[in-house]
Amino acid sequence: MAEDDGSPQLAPLFITEFVLELNSLTFLPDREEFHDGISEVLKRFQQCVLSVLNLVPDSYFDAFTRYSSASRVAVCAEIGHHVFA
């Protein structure tokens, strides 16, 4: 985003760094710290989504709009598989 267009500047979600040396390539943050950071982002996103009240009162849409522990486990497992594989 350009500073002169009047749009707000967004801070990056996280910053990574690659250090290339003669005999090595280092990634900062390390894998564990990166994993913990992404897990925290996903947890906060889930809390945000689950805090929204049902926008559709018709019970026909309950399967799509209501929280279900079974679907939560399946979705989180699917996301976790792709993110941390």
PDB file of N, CA and C in Angstrom:
ATOM      1  N   MET A   1       0.833  -1.188   0.000  1.00  0.00           N
ATOM      2  CA  MET A   1       0.000   0.000   0.000  1.00  0.00           C
ATOM      3  C   MET A   1       0.876   1.249   0.000  1.00  0.00           C
ATOM      4  N   ALA A   2       0.522   2.162  -0.811  1.00  0.00           N
ATOM      5  CA  ALA A   2       1.272   3.406  -0.860  1.00  0.00           C
ATOM      6  C   ALA A   2       0.828   4.327   0.264  1.00  0.00           C
ATOM      7  N   GLU A   3       1.782   5.060   0.820  1.00  0.00           N
ATOM      8  CA  GLU A   3       1.452   5.955   1.935  1.00  0.00           C
ATOM      9  C   GLU A   3       0.668   7.180   1.487  1.00  0.00           C
ATOM     10  N   ASP A   4       0.823   7.587   0.237  1.00  0.00           N
ATOM     11  CA  ASP A   4       0.189   8.815  -0.214  1.00  0.00           C
ATOM     12  C   ASP A   4      -1.249   8.632  -0.684  1.00  0.00           C
ATOM     13  N   ASP A   5      -1.775   7.411  -0.733  1.00  0.00           N
ATOM     14  CA  ASP A   5      -3.142   7.223  -1.207  1.00  0.00           C
ATOM     15  C   ASP A   5      -4.188   7.349  -0.095  1.00  0.00           C
ATOM     16  N   GLY A   6      -3.784   7.609   1.123  1.00  0.00           N
ATOM     17  CA  GLY A   6      -4.723   7.832   2.219  1.00  0.00           C
ATOM     18  C   GLY A   6      -5.259   6.560   2.863  1.00  0.00           C
ATOM     19  N   SER A   7      -4.893   5.388   2.363  1.00  0.00           N
ATOM     20  CA  SER A   7      -5.369   4.146   2.956  1.00  0.00           C
ATOM     21  C   SER A   7      -4.559   3.827   4.212  1.00  0.00           C
ATOM     22  N   PRO A   8      -5.175   3.150   5.173  1.00  0.00           N
ATOM     23  CA  PRO A   8      -4.452   2.837   6.417  1.00  0.00           C
ATOM     24  C   PRO A   8      -3.350   1.822   6.161  1.00  0.00           C
ATOM     25  N   GLN A   9      -2.286   1.946   6.919  1.00  0.00           N
ATOM     26  CA  GLN A   9      -1.169   1.013   6.818  1.00  0.00           C
ATOM     27  C   GLN A   9      -1.402  -0.153   7.778  1.00  0.00           C
ATOM     28  N   LEU A  10      -1.293  -1.369   7.276  1.00  0.00           N
ATOM     29  CA  LEU A  10      -1.496  -2.559   8.092  1.00  0.00           C
ATOM     30  C   LEU A  10      -0.147  -3.142   8.513  1.00  0.00           C
ATOM     31  N   ALA A  11      -0.063  -3.514   9.759  1.00  0.00           N
ATOM     32  CA  ALA A  11       1.147  -4.161  10.262  1.00  0.00           C
ATOM     33  C   ALA A  11       1.147  -5.621   9.810  1.00  0.00           C
ATOM     34  N   PRO A  12       2.307  -6.189   9.523  1.00  0.00           N
ATOM     35  CA  PRO A  12       2.350  -7.598   9.127  1.00  0.00           C
ATOM     36  C   PRO A  12       1.925  -8.503  10.271  1.00  0.00           C
ATOM     37  N   LEU A  13       1.312  -9.621   9.924  1.00  0.00           N
ATOM     38  CA  LEU A  13       0.889 -10.595  10.924  1.00  0.00           C
ATOM     39  C   LEU A  13       2.101 -11.209  11.613  1.00  0.00           C
ATOM     40  N   PHE A  14       3.120 -11.544  10.853  1.00  0.00           N
ATOM     41  CA  PHE A  14       4.376 -12.009  11.408  1.00  0.00           C
ATOM     42  C   PHE A  14       5.477 -11.744  10.388  1.00  0.00           C
ATOM     43  N   ILE A  15       6.695 -11.721  10.853  1.00  0.00           N
ATOM     44  CA  ILE A  15       7.842 -11.467   9.996  1.00  0.00           C
ATOM     45  C   ILE A  15       8.761 -12.677  10.058  1.00  0.00           C
ATOM     46  N   THR A  16       9.201 -13.124   8.904  1.00  0.00           N
ATOM     47  CA  THR A  16      10.160 -14.223   8.846  1.00  0.00           C
ATOM     48  C   THR A  16      11.450 -13.715   8.220  1.00  0.00           C
ATOM     49  N   GLU A  17      12.521 -14.431   8.500  1.00  0.00           N
ATOM     50  CA  GLU A  17      13.824 -14.036   7.987  1.00  0.00           C
ATOM     51  C   GLU A  17      14.586 -15.285   7.560  1.00  0.00           C
ATOM     52  N   PHE A  18      15.140 -15.220   6.388  1.00  0.00           N
ATOM     53  CA  PHE A  18      16.028 -16.278   5.909  1.00  0.00           C
ATOM     54  C   PHE A  18      17.446 -15.734   5.921  1.00  0.00           C
ATOM     55  N   VAL A  19      18.337 -16.486   6.531  1.00  0.00           N
ATOM     56  CA  VAL A  19      19.739 -16.089   6.575  1.00  0.00           C
ATOM     57  C   VAL A  19      20.524 -17.104   5.746  1.00  0.00           C
ATOM     58  N   LEU A  20      21.059 -16.628   4.641  1.00  0.00           N
ATOM     59  CA  LEU A  20      21.838 -17.489   3.753  1.00  0.00           C
ATOM     60  C   LEU A  20      23.318 -17.269   4.027  1.00  0.00           C
ATOM     61  N   GLU A  21      23.963 -18.325   4.473  1.00  0.00           N
ATOM     62  CA  GLU A  21      25.399 -18.296   4.712  1.00  0.00           C
ATOM     63  C   GLU A  21      26.064 -19.266   3.744  1.00  0.00           C
ATOM     64  N   LEU A  22      27.363 -19.296   3.761  1.00  0.00           N
ATOM     65  CA  LEU A  22      28.094 -20.119   2.808  1.00  0.00           C
ATOM     66  C   LEU A  22      27.662 -21.590   2.846  1.00  0.00           C
ATOM     67  N   ASN A  23      27.497 -22.153   4.051  1.00  0.00           N
ATOM     68  CA  ASN A  23      27.168 -23.579   4.172  1.00  0.00           C
ATOM     69  C   ASN A  23      25.835 -23.849   4.846  1.00  0.00           C
ATOM     70  N   SER A  24      24.994 -22.833   4.984  1.00  0.00           N
ATOM     71  CA  SER A  24      23.727 -23.085   5.677  1.00  0.00           C
ATOM     72  C   SER A  24      22.668 -22.059   5.281  1.00  0.00           C
ATOM     73  N   LEU A  25      21.443 -22.431   5.513  1.00  0.00           N
ATOM     74  CA  LEU A  25      20.290 -21.555   5.339  1.00  0.00           C
ATOM     75  C   LEU A  25      19.495 -21.632   6.634  1.00  0.00           C
ATOM     76  N   THR A  26      19.338 -20.509   7.305  1.00  0.00           N
ATOM     77  CA  THR A  26      18.650 -20.468   8.593  1.00  0.00           C
ATOM     78  C   THR A  26      17.334 -19.735   8.430  1.00  0.00           C
ATOM     79  N   PHE A  27      16.302 -20.255   9.059  1.00  0.00           N
ATOM     80  CA  PHE A  27      14.973 -19.667   9.018  1.00  0.00           C
ATOM     81  C   PHE A  27      14.634 -19.152  10.407  1.00  0.00           C
ATOM     82  N   LEU A  28      14.263 -17.891  10.500  1.00  0.00           N
ATOM     83  CA  LEU A  28      13.863 -17.292  11.772  1.00  0.00           C
ATOM     84  C   LEU A  28      12.443 -16.766  11.641  1.00  0.00           C
ATOM     85  N   PRO A  29      11.526 -17.060  12.497  1.00  0.00           N
ATOM     86  CA  PRO A  29      11.670 -17.863  13.707  1.00  0.00           C
ATOM     87  C   PRO A  29      11.822 -19.344  13.365  1.00  0.00           C
ATOM     88  N   ASP A  30      12.267 -20.115  14.341  1.00  0.00           N
ATOM     89  CA  ASP A  30      12.434 -21.544  14.097  1.00  0.00           C
ATOM     90  C   ASP A  30      11.066 -22.209  13.939  1.00  0.00           C
ATOM     91  N   ARG A  31      11.075 -23.462  13.567  1.00  0.00           N
ATOM     92  CA  ARG A  31       9.836 -24.180  13.255  1.00  0.00           C
ATOM     93  C   ARG A  31       8.853 -24.187  14.431  1.00  0.00           C
ATOM     94  N   GLU A  32       9.351 -24.446  15.634  1.00  0.00           N
ATOM     95  CA  GLU A  32       8.473 -24.515  16.810  1.00  0.00           C
ATOM     96  C   GLU A  32       7.813 -23.164  17.091  1.00  0.00           C
ATOM     97  N   GLU A  33       8.583 -22.088  17.024  1.00  0.00           N
ATOM     98  CA  GLU A  33       8.035 -20.756  17.265  1.00  0.00           C
ATOM     99  C   GLU A  33       7.031 -20.375  16.180  1.00  0.00           C
ATOM    100  N   PHE A  34       7.328 -20.729  14.924  1.00  0.00           N
ATOM    101  CA  PHE A  34       6.402 -20.473  13.823  1.00  0.00           C
ATOM    102  C   PHE A  34       5.111 -21.249  14.030  1.00  0.00           C
ATOM    103  N   HIS A  35       5.230 -22.517  14.405  1.00  0.00           N
ATOM    104  CA  HIS A  35       4.064 -23.373  14.665  1.00  0.00           C
ATOM    105  C   HIS A  35       3.202 -22.783  15.777  1.00  0.00           C
ATOM    106  N   ASP A  36       3.836 -22.346  16.860  1.00  0.00           N
ATOM    107  CA  ASP A  36       3.097 -21.751  17.976  1.00  0.00           C
ATOM    108  C   ASP A  36       2.385 -20.468  17.544  1.00  0.00           C
ATOM    109  N   GLY A  37       3.052 -19.654  16.742  1.00  0.00           N
ATOM    110  CA  GLY A  37       2.454 -18.407  16.262  1.00  0.00           C
ATOM    111  C   GLY A  37       1.245 -18.644  15.375  1.00  0.00           C
ATOM    112  N   ILE A  38       1.356 -19.586  14.437  1.00  0.00           N
ATOM    113  CA  ILE A  38       0.235 -19.902  13.548  1.00  0.00           C
ATOM    114  C   ILE A  38      -0.907 -20.522  14.343  1.00  0.00           C
ATOM    115  N   SER A  39      -0.590 -21.361  15.317  1.00  0.00           N
ATOM    116  CA  SER A  39      -1.630 -21.954  16.174  1.00  0.00           C
ATOM    117  C   SER A  39      -2.403 -20.871  16.922  1.00  0.00           C
ATOM    118  N   GLU A  40      -1.705 -19.871  17.417  1.00  0.00           N
ATOM    119  CA  GLU A  40      -2.349 -18.759  18.125  1.00  0.00           C
ATOM    120  C   GLU A  40      -3.252 -17.965  17.187  1.00  0.00           C
ATOM    121  N   VAL A  41      -2.795 -17.725  15.965  1.00  0.00           N
ATOM    122  CA  VAL A  41      -3.618 -17.014  14.979  1.00  0.00           C
ATOM    123  C   VAL A  41      -4.890 -17.799  14.688  1.00  0.00           C
ATOM    124  N   LEU A  42      -4.759 -19.104  14.474  1.00  0.00           N
ATOM    125  CA  LEU A  42      -5.933 -19.937  14.196  1.00  0.00           C
ATOM    126  C   LEU A  42      -6.891 -19.963  15.391  1.00  0.00           C
ATOM    127  N   LYS A  43      -6.342 -20.022  16.611  1.00  0.00           N
ATOM    128  CA  LYS A  43      -7.185 -20.026  17.813  1.00  0.00           C
ATOM    129  C   LYS A  43      -7.975 -18.725  17.919  1.00  0.00           C
ATOM    130  N   ARG A  44      -7.300 -17.601  17.681  1.00  0.00           N
ATOM    131  CA  ARG A  44      -7.989 -16.306  17.769  1.00  0.00           C
ATOM    132  C   ARG A  44      -9.014 -16.144  16.655  1.00  0.00           C
ATOM    133  N   PHE A  45      -8.703 -16.636  15.467  1.00  0.00           N
ATOM    134  CA  PHE A  45      -9.661 -16.593  14.362  1.00  0.00           C
ATOM    135  C   PHE A  45     -10.898 -17.417  14.715  1.00  0.00           C
ATOM    136  N   GLN A  46     -10.689 -18.593  15.274  1.00  0.00           N
ATOM    137  CA  GLN A  46     -11.803 -19.447  15.675  1.00  0.00           C
ATOM    138  C   GLN A  46     -12.649 -18.763  16.749  1.00  0.00           C
ATOM    139  N   GLN A  47     -12.017 -18.153  17.737  1.00  0.00           N
ATOM    140  CA  GLN A  47     -12.759 -17.440  18.774  1.00  0.00           C
ATOM    141  C   GLN A  47     -13.586 -16.316  18.171  1.00  0.00           C
ATOM    142  N   CYS A  48     -13.017 -15.602  17.229  1.00  0.00           N
ATOM    143  CA  CYS A  48     -13.720 -14.496  16.573  1.00  0.00           C
ATOM    144  C   CYS A  48     -14.934 -15.006  15.802  1.00  0.00           C
ATOM    145  N   VAL A  49     -14.746 -16.045  15.020  1.00  0.00           N
ATOM    146  CA  VAL A  49     -15.844 -16.593  14.218  1.00  0.00           C
ATOM    147  C   VAL A  49     -16.948 -17.149  15.119  1.00  0.00           C
ATOM    148  N   LEU A  50     -16.556 -17.852  16.170  1.00  0.00           N
ATOM    149  CA  LEU A  50     -17.560 -18.455  17.042  1.00  0.00           C
ATOM    150  C   LEU A  50     -18.268 -17.431  17.927  1.00  0.00           C
ATOM    151  N   SER A  51     -17.736 -16.222  18.020  1.00  0.00           N
ATOM    152  CA  SER A  51     -18.389 -15.189  18.828  1.00  0.00           C
ATOM    153  C   SER A  51     -19.527 -14.500  18.094  1.00  0.00           C
ATOM    154  N   VAL A  52     -19.636 -14.712  16.771  1.00  0.00           N
ATOM    155  CA  VAL A  52     -20.698 -14.089  15.984  1.00  0.00           C
ATOM    156  C   VAL A  52     -21.993 -14.866  16.203  1.00  0.00           C
ATOM    157  N   LEU A  53     -23.054 -14.137  16.529  1.00  0.00           N
ATOM    158  CA  LEU A  53     -24.349 -14.779  16.723  1.00  0.00           C
ATOM    159  C   LEU A  53     -24.901 -15.281  15.397  1.00  0.00           C
ATOM    160  N   ASN A  54     -25.808 -16.225  15.481  1.00  0.00           N
ATOM    161  CA  ASN A  54     -26.442 -16.788  14.300  1.00  0.00           C
ATOM    162  C   ASN A  54     -27.152 -15.673  13.527  1.00  0.00           C
ATOM    163  N   LEU A  55     -26.778 -15.491  12.277  1.00  0.00           N
ATOM    164  CA  LEU A  55     -27.369 -14.442  11.460  1.00  0.00           C
ATOM    165  C   LEU A  55     -28.623 -14.903  10.722  1.00  0.00           C
ATOM    166  N   VAL A  56     -28.838 -16.208  10.661  1.00  0.00           N
ATOM    167  CA  VAL A  56     -29.991 -16.748   9.947  1.00  0.00           C
ATOM    168  C   VAL A  56     -30.846 -17.531  10.937  1.00  0.00           C
ATOM    169  N   PRO A  57     -32.014 -17.000  11.325  1.00  0.00           N
ATOM    170  CA  PRO A  57     -32.836 -17.670  12.338  1.00  0.00           C
ATOM    171  C   PRO A  57     -33.566 -18.922  11.840  1.00  0.00           C
ATOM    172  N   ASP A  58     -33.659 -19.158  10.555  1.00  0.00           N
ATOM    173  CA  ASP A  58     -34.360 -20.321  10.012  1.00  0.00           C
ATOM    174  C   ASP A  58     -33.581 -21.589  10.360  1.00  0.00           C
ATOM    175  N   SER A  59     -34.241 -22.560  10.989  1.00  0.00           N
ATOM    176  CA  SER A  59     -33.569 -23.785  11.438  1.00  0.00           C
ATOM    177  C   SER A  59     -33.014 -24.616  10.276  1.00  0.00           C
ATOM    178  N   TYR A  60     -33.502 -24.385   9.068  1.00  0.00           N
ATOM    179  CA  TYR A  60     -32.978 -25.091   7.896  1.00  0.00           C
ATOM    180  C   TYR A  60     -31.469 -24.861   7.748  1.00  0.00           C
ATOM    181  N   PHE A  61     -30.996 -23.691   8.127  1.00  0.00           N
ATOM    182  CA  PHE A  61     -29.595 -23.326   7.955  1.00  0.00           C
ATOM    183  C   PHE A  61     -28.722 -23.675   9.165  1.00  0.00           C
ATOM    184  N   ASP A  62     -29.278 -24.329  10.165  1.00  0.00           N
ATOM    185  CA  ASP A  62     -28.518 -24.653  11.371  1.00  0.00           C
ATOM    186  C   ASP A  62     -27.235 -25.435  11.073  1.00  0.00           C
ATOM    187  N   ALA A  63     -27.295 -26.345  10.121  1.00  0.00           N
ATOM    188  CA  ALA A  63     -26.118 -27.152   9.795  1.00  0.00           C
ATOM    189  C   ALA A  63     -24.970 -26.291   9.273  1.00  0.00           C
ATOM    190  N   PHE A  64     -25.302 -25.126   8.735  1.00  0.00           N
ATOM    191  CA  PHE A  64     -24.282 -24.248   8.165  1.00  0.00           C
ATOM    192  C   PHE A  64     -23.891 -23.106   9.092  1.00  0.00           C
ATOM    193  N   THR A  65     -24.758 -22.786  10.057  1.00  0.00           N
ATOM    194  CA  THR A  65     -24.536 -21.584  10.864  1.00  0.00           C
ATOM    195  C   THR A  65     -24.350 -21.845  12.345  1.00  0.00           C
ATOM    196  N   ARG A  66     -24.615 -23.025  12.818  1.00  0.00           N
ATOM    197  CA  ARG A  66     -24.481 -23.341  14.242  1.00  0.00           C
ATOM    198  C   ARG A  66     -23.184 -24.086  14.500  1.00  0.00           C
ATOM    199  N   TYR A  67     -22.644 -23.854  15.673  1.00  0.00           N
ATOM    200  CA  TYR A  67     -21.425 -24.520  16.097  1.00  0.00           C
ATOM    201  C   TYR A  67     -21.697 -25.993  16.349  1.00  0.00           C
ATOM    202  N   SER A  68     -20.817 -26.833  15.854  1.00  0.00           N
ATOM    203  CA  SER A  68     -20.928 -28.271  16.065  1.00  0.00           C
ATOM    204  C   SER A  68     -19.544 -28.788  16.427  1.00  0.00           C
ATOM    205  N   SER A  69     -19.441 -29.472  17.547  1.00  0.00           N
ATOM    206  CA  SER A  69     -18.119 -29.956  17.966  1.00  0.00           C
ATOM    207  C   SER A  69     -17.562 -30.960  16.962  1.00  0.00           C
ATOM    208  N   ALA A  70     -18.429 -31.748  16.327  1.00  0.00           N
ATOM    209  CA  ALA A  70     -17.953 -32.717  15.339  1.00  0.00           C
ATOM    210  C   ALA A  70     -17.368 -32.006  14.126  1.00  0.00           C
ATOM    211  N   SER A  71     -18.049 -30.968  13.637  1.00  0.00           N
ATOM    212  CA  SER A  71     -17.522 -30.254  12.473  1.00  0.00           C
ATOM    213  C   SER A  71     -16.280 -29.472  12.848  1.00  0.00           C
ATOM    214  N   ARG A  72     -16.213 -28.965  14.072  1.00  0.00           N
ATOM    215  CA  ARG A  72     -15.035 -28.208  14.527  1.00  0.00           C
ATOM    216  C   ARG A  72     -13.800 -29.086  14.486  1.00  0.00           C
ATOM    217  N   VAL A  73     -13.916 -30.307  14.978  1.00  0.00           N
ATOM    218  CA  VAL A  73     -12.785 -31.218  15.000  1.00  0.00           C
ATOM    219  C   VAL A  73     -12.349 -31.532  13.574  1.00  0.00           C
ATOM    220  N   ALA A  74     -13.312 -31.796  12.690  1.00  0.00           N
ATOM    221  CA  ALA A  74     -12.979 -32.125  11.308  1.00  0.00           C
ATOM    222  C   ALA A  74     -12.319 -30.949  10.606  1.00  0.00           C
ATOM    223  N   VAL A  75     -12.864 -29.756  10.767  1.00  0.00           N
ATOM    224  CA  VAL A  75     -12.311 -28.574  10.109  1.00  0.00           C
ATOM    225  C   VAL A  75     -10.938 -28.254  10.664  1.00  0.00           C
ATOM    226  N   CYS A  76     -10.776 -28.264  11.987  1.00  0.00           N
ATOM    227  CA  CYS A  76      -9.476 -27.963  12.589  1.00  0.00           C
ATOM    228  C   CYS A  76      -8.437 -29.005  12.195  1.00  0.00           C
ATOM    229  N   ALA A  77      -8.842 -30.262  12.107  1.00  0.00           N
ATOM    230  CA  ALA A  77      -7.915 -31.310  11.690  1.00  0.00           C
ATOM    231  C   ALA A  77      -7.496 -31.086  10.246  1.00  0.00           C
ATOM    232  N   GLU A  78      -8.438 -30.714   9.395  1.00  0.00           N
ATOM    233  CA  GLU A  78      -8.131 -30.459   7.985  1.00  0.00           C
ATOM    234  C   GLU A  78      -7.193 -29.265   7.845  1.00  0.00           C
ATOM    235  N   ILE A  79      -7.475 -28.174   8.555  1.00  0.00           N
ATOM    236  CA  ILE A  79      -6.621 -26.988   8.500  1.00  0.00           C
ATOM    237  C   ILE A  79      -5.239 -27.316   9.045  1.00  0.00           C
ATOM    238  N   GLY A  80      -5.186 -27.977  10.185  1.00  0.00           N
ATOM    239  CA  GLY A  80      -3.916 -28.310  10.791  1.00  0.00           C
ATOM    240  C   GLY A  80      -3.078 -29.206   9.899  1.00  0.00           C
ATOM    241  N   HIS A  81      -3.734 -30.128   9.211  1.00  0.00           N
ATOM    242  CA  HIS A  81      -3.014 -31.043   8.313  1.00  0.00           C
ATOM    243  C   HIS A  81      -2.329 -30.247   7.205  1.00  0.00           C
ATOM    244  N   HIS A  82      -3.037 -29.280   6.608  1.00  0.00           N
ATOM    245  CA  HIS A  82      -2.481 -28.511   5.505  1.00  0.00           C
ATOM    246  C   HIS A  82      -1.441 -27.513   5.986  1.00  0.00           C
ATOM    247  N   VAL A  83      -1.653 -26.896   7.129  1.00  0.00           N
ATOM    248  CA  VAL A  83      -0.738 -25.863   7.598  1.00  0.00           C
ATOM    249  C   VAL A  83       0.560 -26.455   8.103  1.00  0.00           C
ATOM    250  N   PHE A  84       0.485 -27.567   8.815  1.00  0.00           N
ATOM    251  CA  PHE A  84       1.672 -28.085   9.481  1.00  0.00           C
ATOM    252  C   PHE A  84       2.234 -29.346   8.858  1.00  0.00           C
ATOM    253  N   ALA A  85       1.763 -29.689   7.667  1.00  0.00           N
ATOM    254  CA  ALA A  85       2.280 -30.924   7.007  1.00  0.00           C
ATOM    255  C   ALA A  85       3.670 -30.696   6.459  1.00  0.00           C
TER     256      ALA A  85
END
